[in-house]
């Protein structure tokens, strides 16, 4: 993971089908990040969450994809309550990021 980064991602390999996995998120404040002077601050630990990988013999997999919510995470529960089918296997949040490329003048 990268220090001073608000968005992180990870990839998990070799998960078994039909298995429930549990996880929590831990964040530790970095007060000072100088060479030979690394000072940590407060540690925040989330609740424990879980997900279950689909079984190999499952006939279908359902998912909900939400597009960019423009930095309004409080709208996620509202959007999920609009879904008719409540038994969803996976929820994806697609975020849009602006990438600026400097052009060289000729």
PDB file of N, CA and C in Angstrom:
ATOM      1  N   UNK A   1       0.835  -1.172   0.000  1.00  0.00           N
ATOM      2  CA  UNK A   1       0.000   0.000   0.000  1.00  0.00           C
ATOM      3  C   UNK A   1       0.888   1.246   0.000  1.00  0.00           C
ATOM      4  N   UNK A   2       0.348   2.334  -0.500  1.00  0.00           N
ATOM      5  CA  UNK A   2       1.090   3.567  -0.631  1.00  0.00           C
ATOM      6  C   UNK A   2       0.710   4.518   0.496  1.00  0.00           C
ATOM      7  N   UNK A   3       1.706   5.107   1.152  1.00  0.00           N
ATOM      8  CA  UNK A   3       1.443   6.088   2.199  1.00  0.00           C
ATOM      9  C   UNK A   3       0.818   7.340   1.597  1.00  0.00           C
ATOM     10  N   UNK A   4       0.011   8.018   2.387  1.00  0.00           N
ATOM     11  CA  UNK A   4      -0.672   9.248   1.982  1.00  0.00           C
ATOM     12  C   UNK A   4      -1.612   9.040   0.799  1.00  0.00           C
ATOM     13  N   UNK A   5      -2.153   7.847   0.648  1.00  0.00           N
ATOM     14  CA  UNK A   5      -3.060   7.533  -0.438  1.00  0.00           C
ATOM     15  C   UNK A   5      -4.451   7.295   0.131  1.00  0.00           C
ATOM     16  N   UNK A   6      -5.498   7.884  -0.467  1.00  0.00           N
ATOM     17  CA  UNK A   6      -6.856   7.709   0.026  1.00  0.00           C
ATOM     18  C   UNK A   6      -7.537   6.492  -0.578  1.00  0.00           C
ATOM     19  N   UNK A   7      -7.074   6.030  -1.725  1.00  0.00           N
ATOM     20  CA  UNK A   7      -7.712   4.896  -2.391  1.00  0.00           C
ATOM     21  C   UNK A   7      -6.676   3.796  -2.560  1.00  0.00           C
ATOM     22  N   UNK A   8      -7.002   2.613  -2.076  1.00  0.00           N
ATOM     23  CA  UNK A   8      -6.115   1.468  -2.199  1.00  0.00           C
ATOM     24  C   UNK A   8      -6.888   0.290  -2.781  1.00  0.00           C
ATOM     25  N   UNK A   9      -6.191  -0.612  -3.407  1.00  0.00           N
ATOM     26  CA  UNK A   9      -6.803  -1.819  -3.956  1.00  0.00           C
ATOM     27  C   UNK A   9      -5.864  -2.979  -3.719  1.00  0.00           C
ATOM     28  N   UNK A  10      -6.429  -4.171  -3.637  1.00  0.00           N
ATOM     29  CA  UNK A  10      -5.595  -5.361  -3.504  1.00  0.00           C
ATOM     30  C   UNK A  10      -6.227  -6.495  -4.280  1.00  0.00           C
ATOM     31  N   UNK A  11      -5.422  -7.470  -4.583  1.00  0.00           N
ATOM     32  CA  UNK A  11      -5.873  -8.642  -5.316  1.00  0.00           C
ATOM     33  C   UNK A  11      -5.637  -9.863  -4.442  1.00  0.00           C
ATOM     34  N   UNK A  12      -6.645 -10.712  -4.352  1.00  0.00           N
ATOM     35  CA  UNK A  12      -6.539 -11.919  -3.523  1.00  0.00           C
ATOM     36  C   UNK A  12      -6.540 -13.126  -4.451  1.00  0.00           C
ATOM     37  N   UNK A  13      -5.561 -13.977  -4.315  1.00  0.00           N
ATOM     38  CA  UNK A  13      -5.424 -15.152  -5.169  1.00  0.00           C
ATOM     39  C   UNK A  13      -5.818 -16.428  -4.423  1.00  0.00           C
ATOM     40  N   UNK A  14      -6.138 -17.454  -5.169  1.00  0.00           N
ATOM     41  CA  UNK A  14      -6.362 -18.820  -4.664  1.00  0.00           C
ATOM     42  C   UNK A  14      -7.506 -18.934  -3.657  1.00  0.00           C
ATOM     43  N   UNK A  15      -8.601 -18.226  -3.899  1.00  0.00           N
ATOM     44  CA  UNK A  15      -9.771 -18.368  -3.044  1.00  0.00           C
ATOM     45  C   UNK A  15     -10.516 -19.645  -3.420  1.00  0.00           C
ATOM     46  N   UNK A  16     -11.052 -20.331  -2.439  1.00  0.00           N
ATOM     47  CA  UNK A  16     -11.783 -21.574  -2.680  1.00  0.00           C
ATOM     48  C   UNK A  16     -13.254 -21.276  -2.967  1.00  0.00           C
ATOM     49  N   UNK A  17     -13.884 -22.016  -3.876  1.00  0.00           N
ATOM     50  CA  UNK A  17     -15.288 -21.796  -4.185  1.00  0.00           C
ATOM     51  C   UNK A  17     -16.189 -22.126  -2.988  1.00  0.00           C
ATOM     52  N   UNK A  18     -17.292 -21.376  -2.860  1.00  0.00           N
ATOM     53  CA  UNK A  18     -18.263 -21.644  -1.803  1.00  0.00           C
ATOM     54  C   UNK A  18     -17.722 -21.449  -0.400  1.00  0.00           C
ATOM     55  N   UNK A  19     -16.742 -20.589  -0.239  1.00  0.00           N
ATOM     56  CA  UNK A  19     -16.099 -20.387   1.064  1.00  0.00           C
ATOM     57  C   UNK A  19     -16.340 -18.957   1.541  1.00  0.00           C
ATOM     58  N   UNK A  20     -16.626 -18.800   2.824  1.00  0.00           N
ATOM     59  CA  UNK A  20     -16.809 -17.472   3.401  1.00  0.00           C
ATOM     60  C   UNK A  20     -15.483 -17.000   3.993  1.00  0.00           C
ATOM     61  N   UNK A  21     -15.107 -15.787   3.647  1.00  0.00           N
ATOM     62  CA  UNK A  21     -13.878 -15.170   4.142  1.00  0.00           C
ATOM     63  C   UNK A  21     -14.244 -13.929   4.949  1.00  0.00           C
ATOM     64  N   UNK A  22     -13.454 -13.661   5.967  1.00  0.00           N
ATOM     65  CA  UNK A  22     -13.698 -12.523   6.856  1.00  0.00           C
ATOM     66  C   UNK A  22     -12.503 -11.574   6.778  1.00  0.00           C
ATOM     67  N   UNK A  23     -12.779 -10.277   6.896  1.00  0.00           N
ATOM     68  CA  UNK A  23     -11.702  -9.287   6.829  1.00  0.00           C
ATOM     69  C   UNK A  23     -12.092  -8.031   7.587  1.00  0.00           C
ATOM     70  N   UNK A  24     -11.092  -7.237   7.900  1.00  0.00           N
ATOM     71  CA  UNK A  24     -11.314  -5.893   8.430  1.00  0.00           C
ATOM     72  C   UNK A  24     -10.272  -4.977   7.791  1.00  0.00           C
ATOM     73  N   UNK A  25     -10.520  -3.694   7.877  1.00  0.00           N
ATOM     74  CA  UNK A  25      -9.612  -2.706   7.297  1.00  0.00           C
ATOM     75  C   UNK A  25      -8.946  -1.961   8.440  1.00  0.00           C
ATOM     76  N   UNK A  26      -7.625  -1.804   8.348  1.00  0.00           N
ATOM     77  CA  UNK A  26      -6.859  -1.109   9.374  1.00  0.00           C
ATOM     78  C   UNK A  26      -6.130   0.061   8.722  1.00  0.00           C
ATOM     79  N   UNK A  27      -6.214   1.220   9.348  1.00  0.00           N
ATOM     80  CA  UNK A  27      -5.516   2.402   8.859  1.00  0.00           C
ATOM     81  C   UNK A  27      -4.748   3.014  10.024  1.00  0.00           C
ATOM     82  N   UNK A  28      -3.488   3.301   9.791  1.00  0.00           N
ATOM     83  CA  UNK A  28      -2.651   3.915  10.830  1.00  0.00           C
ATOM     84  C   UNK A  28      -2.156   5.258  10.308  1.00  0.00           C
ATOM     85  N   UNK A  29      -2.446   6.290  11.062  1.00  0.00           N
ATOM     86  CA  UNK A  29      -2.011   7.628  10.694  1.00  0.00           C
ATOM     87  C   UNK A  29      -0.483   7.712  10.714  1.00  0.00           C
ATOM     88  N   UNK A  30       0.090   8.363   9.723  1.00  0.00           N
ATOM     89  CA  UNK A  30       1.526   8.621   9.699  1.00  0.00           C
ATOM     90  C   UNK A  30       1.724  10.087  10.028  1.00  0.00           C
ATOM     91  N   UNK A  31       2.293  10.351  11.179  1.00  0.00           N
ATOM     92  CA  UNK A  31       2.503  11.727  11.629  1.00  0.00           C
ATOM     93  C   UNK A  31       3.740  12.325  10.973  1.00  0.00           C
ATOM     94  N   UNK A  32       4.797  11.527  10.883  1.00  0.00           N
ATOM     95  CA  UNK A  32       6.038  11.999  10.266  1.00  0.00           C
ATOM     96  C   UNK A  32       6.593  10.884   9.387  1.00  0.00           C
ATOM     97  N   UNK A  33       6.955  11.223   8.139  1.00  0.00           N
ATOM     98  CA  UNK A  33       7.402  10.227   7.169  1.00  0.00           C
ATOM     99  C   UNK A  33       8.739  10.629   6.561  1.00  0.00           C
ATOM    100  N   UNK A  34       9.662  11.024   7.418  1.00  0.00           N
ATOM    101  CA  UNK A  34      11.000  11.396   6.974  1.00  0.00           C
ATOM    102  C   UNK A  34      11.935  10.193   7.092  1.00  0.00           C
ATOM    103  N   UNK A  35      13.007  10.163   6.300  1.00  0.00           N
ATOM    104  CA  UNK A  35      13.979   9.074   6.450  1.00  0.00           C
ATOM    105  C   UNK A  35      14.494   8.995   7.885  1.00  0.00           C
ATOM    106  N   UNK A  36      14.524   7.811   8.428  1.00  0.00           N
ATOM    107  CA  UNK A  36      15.001   7.526   9.789  1.00  0.00           C
ATOM    108  C   UNK A  36      14.146   8.183  10.867  1.00  0.00           C
ATOM    109  N   UNK A  37      12.987   8.718  10.504  1.00  0.00           N
ATOM    110  CA  UNK A  37      12.102   9.349  11.488  1.00  0.00           C
ATOM    111  C   UNK A  37      10.650   9.095  11.088  1.00  0.00           C
ATOM    112  N   UNK A  38      10.220   7.837  11.242  1.00  0.00           N
ATOM    113  CA  UNK A  38       8.865   7.441  10.915  1.00  0.00           C
ATOM    114  C   UNK A  38       8.059   7.385  12.204  1.00  0.00           C
ATOM    115  N   UNK A  39       7.041   8.222  12.315  1.00  0.00           N
ATOM    116  CA  UNK A  39       6.244   8.305  13.537  1.00  0.00           C
ATOM    117  C   UNK A  39       4.793   8.002  13.185  1.00  0.00           C
ATOM    118  N   UNK A  40       4.224   7.001  13.871  1.00  0.00           N
ATOM    119  CA  UNK A  40       2.830   6.619  13.655  1.00  0.00           C
ATOM    120  C   UNK A  40       1.931   7.288  14.674  1.00  0.00           C
ATOM    121  N   UNK A  41       0.693   7.531  14.278  1.00  0.00           N
ATOM    122  CA  UNK A  41      -0.300   8.120  15.162  1.00  0.00           C
ATOM    123  C   UNK A  41      -1.400   7.126  15.469  1.00  0.00           C
ATOM    124  N   UNK A  42      -2.631   7.607  15.396  1.00  0.00           N
ATOM    125  CA  UNK A  42      -3.802   6.812  15.760  1.00  0.00           C
ATOM    126  C   UNK A  42      -4.044   5.673  14.770  1.00  0.00           C
ATOM    127  N   UNK A  43      -4.479   4.520  15.308  1.00  0.00           N
ATOM    128  CA  UNK A  43      -4.849   3.379  14.474  1.00  0.00           C
ATOM    129  C   UNK A  43      -6.373   3.246  14.491  1.00  0.00           C
ATOM    130  N   UNK A  44      -6.954   3.076  13.316  1.00  0.00           N
ATOM    131  CA  UNK A  44      -8.397   2.894  13.179  1.00  0.00           C
ATOM    132  C   UNK A  44      -8.636   1.504  12.600  1.00  0.00           C
ATOM    133  N   UNK A  45      -9.535   0.742  13.220  1.00  0.00           N
ATOM    134  CA  UNK A  45      -9.850  -0.615  12.770  1.00  0.00           C
ATOM    135  C   UNK A  45     -11.348  -0.687  12.486  1.00  0.00           C
ATOM    136  N   UNK A  46     -11.703  -1.176  11.305  1.00  0.00           N
ATOM    137  CA  UNK A  46     -13.118  -1.286  10.929  1.00  0.00           C
ATOM    138  C   UNK A  46     -13.774  -2.471  11.636  1.00  0.00           C
ATOM    139  N   UNK A  47     -15.077  -2.577  11.461  1.00  0.00           N
ATOM    140  CA  UNK A  47     -15.789  -3.779  11.883  1.00  0.00           C
ATOM    141  C   UNK A  47     -15.298  -4.940  11.024  1.00  0.00           C
ATOM    142  N   UNK A  48     -15.676  -6.142  11.393  1.00  0.00           N
ATOM    143  CA  UNK A  48     -15.321  -7.324  10.600  1.00  0.00           C
ATOM    144  C   UNK A  48     -16.419  -7.543   9.564  1.00  0.00           C
ATOM    145  N   UNK A  49     -16.010  -7.687   8.313  1.00  0.00           N
ATOM    146  CA  UNK A  49     -16.927  -7.922   7.197  1.00  0.00           C
ATOM    147  C   UNK A  49     -16.648  -9.297   6.610  1.00  0.00           C
ATOM    148  N   UNK A  50     -17.545  -9.766   5.751  1.00  0.00           N
ATOM    149  CA  UNK A  50     -17.336 -11.072   5.127  1.00  0.00           C
ATOM    150  C   UNK A  50     -17.846 -11.060   3.690  1.00  0.00           C
ATOM    151  N   UNK A  51     -17.359 -12.002   2.928  1.00  0.00           N
ATOM    152  CA  UNK A  51     -17.881 -12.271   1.591  1.00  0.00           C
ATOM    153  C   UNK A  51     -17.750 -13.760   1.346  1.00  0.00           C
ATOM    154  N   UNK A  52     -18.610 -14.277   0.479  1.00  0.00           N
ATOM    155  CA  UNK A  52     -18.590 -15.699   0.152  1.00  0.00           C
ATOM    156  C   UNK A  52     -18.366 -15.851  -1.346  1.00  0.00           C
ATOM    157  N   UNK A  53     -17.403 -16.661  -1.705  1.00  0.00           N
ATOM    158  CA  UNK A  53     -17.144 -16.918  -3.123  1.00  0.00           C
ATOM    159  C   UNK A  53     -18.249 -17.826  -3.659  1.00  0.00           C
ATOM    160  N   UNK A  54     -18.614 -17.666  -4.933  1.00  0.00           N
ATOM    161  CA  UNK A  54     -19.683 -18.515  -5.474  1.00  0.00           C
ATOM    162  C   UNK A  54     -19.248 -19.969  -5.581  1.00  0.00           C
ATOM    163  N   UNK A  55     -20.228 -20.856  -5.411  1.00  0.00           N
ATOM    164  CA  UNK A  55     -19.965 -22.288  -5.567  1.00  0.00           C
ATOM    165  C   UNK A  55     -19.763 -22.597  -7.049  1.00  0.00           C
ATOM    166  N   UNK A  56     -18.999 -23.645  -7.333  1.00  0.00           N
ATOM    167  CA  UNK A  56     -18.736 -24.006  -8.730  1.00  0.00           C
ATOM    168  C   UNK A  56     -20.000 -24.466  -9.452  1.00  0.00           C
ATOM    169  N   UNK A  57     -20.952 -25.050  -8.732  1.00  0.00           N
ATOM    170  CA  UNK A  57     -22.152 -25.583  -9.370  1.00  0.00           C
ATOM    171  C   UNK A  57     -23.311 -24.585  -9.392  1.00  0.00           C
ATOM    172  N   UNK A  58     -23.048 -23.329  -9.110  1.00  0.00           N
ATOM    173  CA  UNK A  58     -24.093 -22.314  -9.083  1.00  0.00           C
ATOM    174  C   UNK A  58     -24.571 -22.019 -10.505  1.00  0.00           C
ATOM    175  N   UNK A  59     -25.892 -21.894 -10.690  1.00  0.00           N
ATOM    176  CA  UNK A  59     -26.460 -21.658 -12.019  1.00  0.00           C
ATOM    177  C   UNK A  59     -26.307 -20.223 -12.494  1.00  0.00           C
ATOM    178  N   UNK A  60     -26.276 -19.271 -11.567  1.00  0.00           N
ATOM    179  CA  UNK A  60     -26.141 -17.871 -11.957  1.00  0.00           C
ATOM    180  C   UNK A  60     -25.465 -17.089 -10.831  1.00  0.00           C
ATOM    181  N   UNK A  61     -24.930 -15.963 -11.205  1.00  0.00           N
ATOM    182  CA  UNK A  61     -24.313 -15.045 -10.241  1.00  0.00           C
ATOM    183  C   UNK A  61     -24.925 -13.672 -10.504  1.00  0.00           C
ATOM    184  N   UNK A  62     -25.358 -12.996  -9.437  1.00  0.00           N
ATOM    185  CA  UNK A  62     -25.946 -11.668  -9.609  1.00  0.00           C
ATOM    186  C   UNK A  62     -24.987 -10.608  -9.100  1.00  0.00           C
ATOM    187  N   UNK A  63     -25.032  -9.452  -9.747  1.00  0.00           N
ATOM    188  CA  UNK A  63     -24.190  -8.352  -9.303  1.00  0.00           C
ATOM    189  C   UNK A  63     -24.898  -7.033  -9.519  1.00  0.00           C
ATOM    190  N   UNK A  64     -24.504  -6.063  -8.718  1.00  0.00           N
ATOM    191  CA  UNK A  64     -25.007  -4.702  -8.813  1.00  0.00           C
ATOM    192  C   UNK A  64     -23.807  -3.814  -9.090  1.00  0.00           C
ATOM    193  N   UNK A  65     -23.905  -3.008 -10.146  1.00  0.00           N
ATOM    194  CA  UNK A  65     -22.819  -2.099 -10.491  1.00  0.00           C
ATOM    195  C   UNK A  65     -23.329  -0.676 -10.333  1.00  0.00           C
ATOM    196  N   UNK A  66     -22.664   0.098  -9.490  1.00  0.00           N
ATOM    197  CA  UNK A  66     -23.014   1.504  -9.307  1.00  0.00           C
ATOM    198  C   UNK A  66     -21.914   2.342  -9.930  1.00  0.00           C
ATOM    199  N   UNK A  67     -22.323   3.389 -10.620  1.00  0.00           N
ATOM    200  CA  UNK A  67     -21.361   4.272 -11.240  1.00  0.00           C
ATOM    201  C   UNK A  67     -20.908   5.325 -10.236  1.00  0.00           C
ATOM    202  N   UNK A  68     -20.033   6.189 -10.654  1.00  0.00           N
ATOM    203  CA  UNK A  68     -19.458   7.231  -9.814  1.00  0.00           C
ATOM    204  C   UNK A  68     -20.531   7.946  -8.988  1.00  0.00           C
ATOM    205  N   UNK A  69     -20.367   7.984  -7.671  1.00  0.00           N
ATOM    206  CA  UNK A  69     -21.347   8.656  -6.807  1.00  0.00           C
ATOM    207  C   UNK A  69     -20.870  10.036  -6.396  1.00  0.00           C
ATOM    208  N   UNK A  70     -19.810  10.523  -7.014  1.00  0.00           N
ATOM    209  CA  UNK A  70     -19.312  11.891  -6.837  1.00  0.00           C
ATOM    210  C   UNK A  70     -19.086  12.253  -5.368  1.00  0.00           C
ATOM    211  N   UNK A  71     -18.329  11.435  -4.678  1.00  0.00           N
ATOM    212  CA  UNK A  71     -17.934  11.700  -3.293  1.00  0.00           C
ATOM    213  C   UNK A  71     -19.138  11.865  -2.365  1.00  0.00           C
ATOM    214  N   UNK A  72     -20.181  11.043  -2.587  1.00  0.00           N
ATOM    215  CA  UNK A  72     -21.357  11.045  -1.715  1.00  0.00           C
ATOM    216  C   UNK A  72     -21.602   9.618  -1.221  1.00  0.00           C
ATOM    217  N   UNK A  73     -20.718   9.082  -0.383  1.00  0.00           N
ATOM    218  CA  UNK A  73     -20.878   7.684   0.046  1.00  0.00           C
ATOM    219  C   UNK A  73     -22.170   7.436   0.820  1.00  0.00           C
ATOM    220  N   UNK A  74     -22.758   8.495   1.392  1.00  0.00           N
ATOM    221  CA  UNK A  74     -24.006   8.307   2.141  1.00  0.00           C
ATOM    222  C   UNK A  74     -25.160   7.895   1.224  1.00  0.00           C
ATOM    223  N   UNK A  75     -24.997   8.050  -0.097  1.00  0.00           N
ATOM    224  CA  UNK A  75     -26.056   7.654  -1.032  1.00  0.00           C
ATOM    225  C   UNK A  75     -26.035   6.155  -1.337  1.00  0.00           C
ATOM    226  N   UNK A  76     -24.987   5.430  -0.971  1.00  0.00           N
ATOM    227  CA  UNK A  76     -24.887   4.001  -1.294  1.00  0.00           C
ATOM    228  C   UNK A  76     -26.029   3.187  -0.686  1.00  0.00           C
ATOM    229  N   UNK A  77     -26.350   3.316   0.613  1.00  0.00           N
ATOM    230  CA  UNK A  77     -27.477   2.535   1.153  1.00  0.00           C
ATOM    231  C   UNK A  77     -28.793   2.846   0.434  1.00  0.00           C
ATOM    232  N   UNK A  78     -29.029   4.114   0.112  1.00  0.00           N
ATOM    233  CA  UNK A  78     -30.250   4.487  -0.606  1.00  0.00           C
ATOM    234  C   UNK A  78     -30.305   3.798  -1.972  1.00  0.00           C
ATOM    235  N   UNK A  79     -29.205   3.831  -2.715  1.00  0.00           N
ATOM    236  CA  UNK A  79     -29.177   3.206  -4.032  1.00  0.00           C
ATOM    237  C   UNK A  79     -29.373   1.696  -3.942  1.00  0.00           C
ATOM    238  N   UNK A  80     -28.792   1.076  -2.945  1.00  0.00           N
ATOM    239  CA  UNK A  80     -28.942  -0.375  -2.797  1.00  0.00           C
ATOM    240  C   UNK A  80     -30.375  -0.749  -2.433  1.00  0.00           C
ATOM    241  N   UNK A  81     -31.084   0.115  -1.706  1.00  0.00           N
ATOM    242  CA  UNK A  81     -32.481  -0.158  -1.360  1.00  0.00           C
ATOM    243  C   UNK A  81     -33.407  -0.035  -2.563  1.00  0.00           C
ATOM    244  N   UNK A  82     -32.974   0.592  -3.645  1.00  0.00           N
ATOM    245  CA  UNK A  82     -33.775   0.699  -4.857  1.00  0.00           C
ATOM    246  C   UNK A  82     -33.780  -0.597  -5.664  1.00  0.00           C
ATOM    247  N   UNK A  83     -32.894  -1.498  -5.349  1.00  0.00           N
ATOM    248  CA  UNK A  83     -32.782  -2.757  -6.087  1.00  0.00           C
ATOM    249  C   UNK A  83     -33.939  -3.676  -5.710  1.00  0.00           C
ATOM    250  N   UNK A  84     -34.606  -4.222  -6.717  1.00  0.00           N
ATOM    251  CA  UNK A  84     -35.759  -5.105  -6.473  1.00  0.00           C
ATOM    252  C   UNK A  84     -35.296  -6.428  -5.878  1.00  0.00           C
ATOM    253  N   UNK A  85     -34.282  -7.032  -6.483  1.00  0.00           N
ATOM    254  CA  UNK A  85     -33.753  -8.308  -5.987  1.00  0.00           C
ATOM    255  C   UNK A  85     -32.754  -8.015  -4.874  1.00  0.00           C
ATOM    256  N   UNK A  86     -33.046  -8.478  -3.673  1.00  0.00           N
ATOM    257  CA  UNK A  86     -32.197  -8.156  -2.524  1.00  0.00           C
ATOM    258  C   UNK A  86     -31.051  -9.157  -2.323  1.00  0.00           C
ATOM    259  N   UNK A  87     -31.113 -10.298  -2.973  1.00  0.00           N
ATOM    260  CA  UNK A  87     -30.074 -11.320  -2.814  1.00  0.00           C
ATOM    261  C   UNK A  87     -29.026 -11.147  -3.912  1.00  0.00           C
ATOM    262  N   UNK A  88     -28.085 -10.222  -3.684  1.00  0.00           N
ATOM    263  CA  UNK A  88     -27.065  -9.893  -4.681  1.00  0.00           C
ATOM    264  C   UNK A  88     -25.736 -10.502  -4.249  1.00  0.00           C
ATOM    265  N   UNK A  89     -25.067 -11.183  -5.164  1.00  0.00           N
ATOM    266  CA  UNK A  89     -23.793 -11.815  -4.834  1.00  0.00           C
ATOM    267  C   UNK A  89     -22.660 -10.808  -4.685  1.00  0.00           C
ATOM    268  N   UNK A  90     -22.583  -9.840  -5.592  1.00  0.00           N
ATOM    269  CA  UNK A  90     -21.477  -8.882  -5.586  1.00  0.00           C
ATOM    270  C   UNK A  90     -21.983  -7.473  -5.869  1.00  0.00           C
ATOM    271  N   UNK A  91     -21.334  -6.497  -5.244  1.00  0.00           N
ATOM    272  CA  UNK A  91     -21.623  -5.089  -5.498  1.00  0.00           C
ATOM    273  C   UNK A  91     -20.318  -4.428  -5.919  1.00  0.00           C
ATOM    274  N   UNK A  92     -20.349  -3.734  -7.063  1.00  0.00           N
ATOM    275  CA  UNK A  92     -19.180  -3.028  -7.570  1.00  0.00           C
ATOM    276  C   UNK A  92     -19.473  -1.537  -7.605  1.00  0.00           C
ATOM    277  N   UNK A  93     -18.520  -0.743  -7.178  1.00  0.00           N
ATOM    278  CA  UNK A  93     -18.619   0.706  -7.299  1.00  0.00           C
ATOM    279  C   UNK A  93     -17.581   1.147  -8.313  1.00  0.00           C
ATOM    280  N   UNK A  94     -18.046   1.661  -9.434  1.00  0.00           N
ATOM    281  CA  UNK A  94     -17.162   2.130 -10.489  1.00  0.00           C
ATOM    282  C   UNK A  94     -16.928   3.615 -10.280  1.00  0.00           C
ATOM    283  N   UNK A  95     -15.702   4.018 -10.031  1.00  0.00           N
ATOM    284  CA  UNK A  95     -15.381   5.429  -9.819  1.00  0.00           C
ATOM    285  C   UNK A  95     -14.686   5.985 -11.050  1.00  0.00           C
ATOM    286  N   UNK A  96     -14.978   7.218 -11.341  1.00  0.00           N
ATOM    287  CA  UNK A  96     -14.356   7.884 -12.486  1.00  0.00           C
ATOM    288  C   UNK A  96     -13.306   8.850 -11.970  1.00  0.00           C
ATOM    289  N   UNK A  97     -12.137   8.819 -12.578  1.00  0.00           N
ATOM    290  CA  UNK A  97     -11.043   9.687 -12.181  1.00  0.00           C
ATOM    291  C   UNK A  97     -10.592  10.486 -13.388  1.00  0.00           C
ATOM    292  N   UNK A  98     -10.224  11.711 -13.163  1.00  0.00           N
ATOM    293  CA  UNK A  98      -9.711  12.546 -14.242  1.00  0.00           C
ATOM    294  C   UNK A  98      -8.209  12.348 -14.361  1.00  0.00           C
ATOM    295  N   UNK A  99      -7.759  12.132 -15.566  1.00  0.00           N
ATOM    296  CA  UNK A  99      -6.329  12.004 -15.828  1.00  0.00           C
ATOM    297  C   UNK A  99      -5.946  13.134 -16.786  1.00  0.00           C
ATOM    298  N   UNK A 100      -5.018  13.945 -16.351  1.00  0.00           N
ATOM    299  CA  UNK A 100      -4.579  15.070 -17.175  1.00  0.00           C
ATOM    300  C   UNK A 100      -3.225  14.727 -17.772  1.00  0.00           C
ATOM    301  N   UNK A 101      -3.105  14.913 -19.075  1.00  0.00           N
ATOM    302  CA  UNK A 101      -1.834  14.646 -19.759  1.00  0.00           C
ATOM    303  C   UNK A 101      -1.361  15.974 -20.343  1.00  0.00           C
ATOM    304  N   UNK A 102      -0.169  16.366 -20.008  1.00  0.00           N
ATOM    305  CA  UNK A 102       0.384  17.612 -20.541  1.00  0.00           C
ATOM    306  C   UNK A 102       0.803  17.390 -21.985  1.00  0.00           C
ATOM    307  N   UNK A 103       0.407  18.301 -22.822  1.00  0.00           N
ATOM    308  CA  UNK A 103       0.756  18.229 -24.243  1.00  0.00           C
ATOM    309  C   UNK A 103       1.991  19.083 -24.490  1.00  0.00           C
ATOM    310  N   UNK A 104       2.903  18.575 -25.287  1.00  0.00           N
ATOM    311  CA  UNK A 104       4.098  19.344 -25.673  1.00  0.00           C
ATOM    312  C   UNK A 104       3.747  20.196 -26.878  1.00  0.00           C
ATOM    313  N   UNK A 105       4.127  21.443 -26.836  1.00  0.00           N
ATOM    314  CA  UNK A 105       3.866  22.305 -27.994  1.00  0.00           C
ATOM    315  C   UNK A 105       4.961  22.077 -29.034  1.00  0.00           C
ATOM    316  N   UNK A 106       4.564  22.161 -30.297  1.00  0.00           N
ATOM    317  CA  UNK A 106       5.514  21.920 -31.387  1.00  0.00           C
ATOM    318  C   UNK A 106       6.198  23.185 -31.790  1.00  0.00           C
TER     319      UNK A 106
END
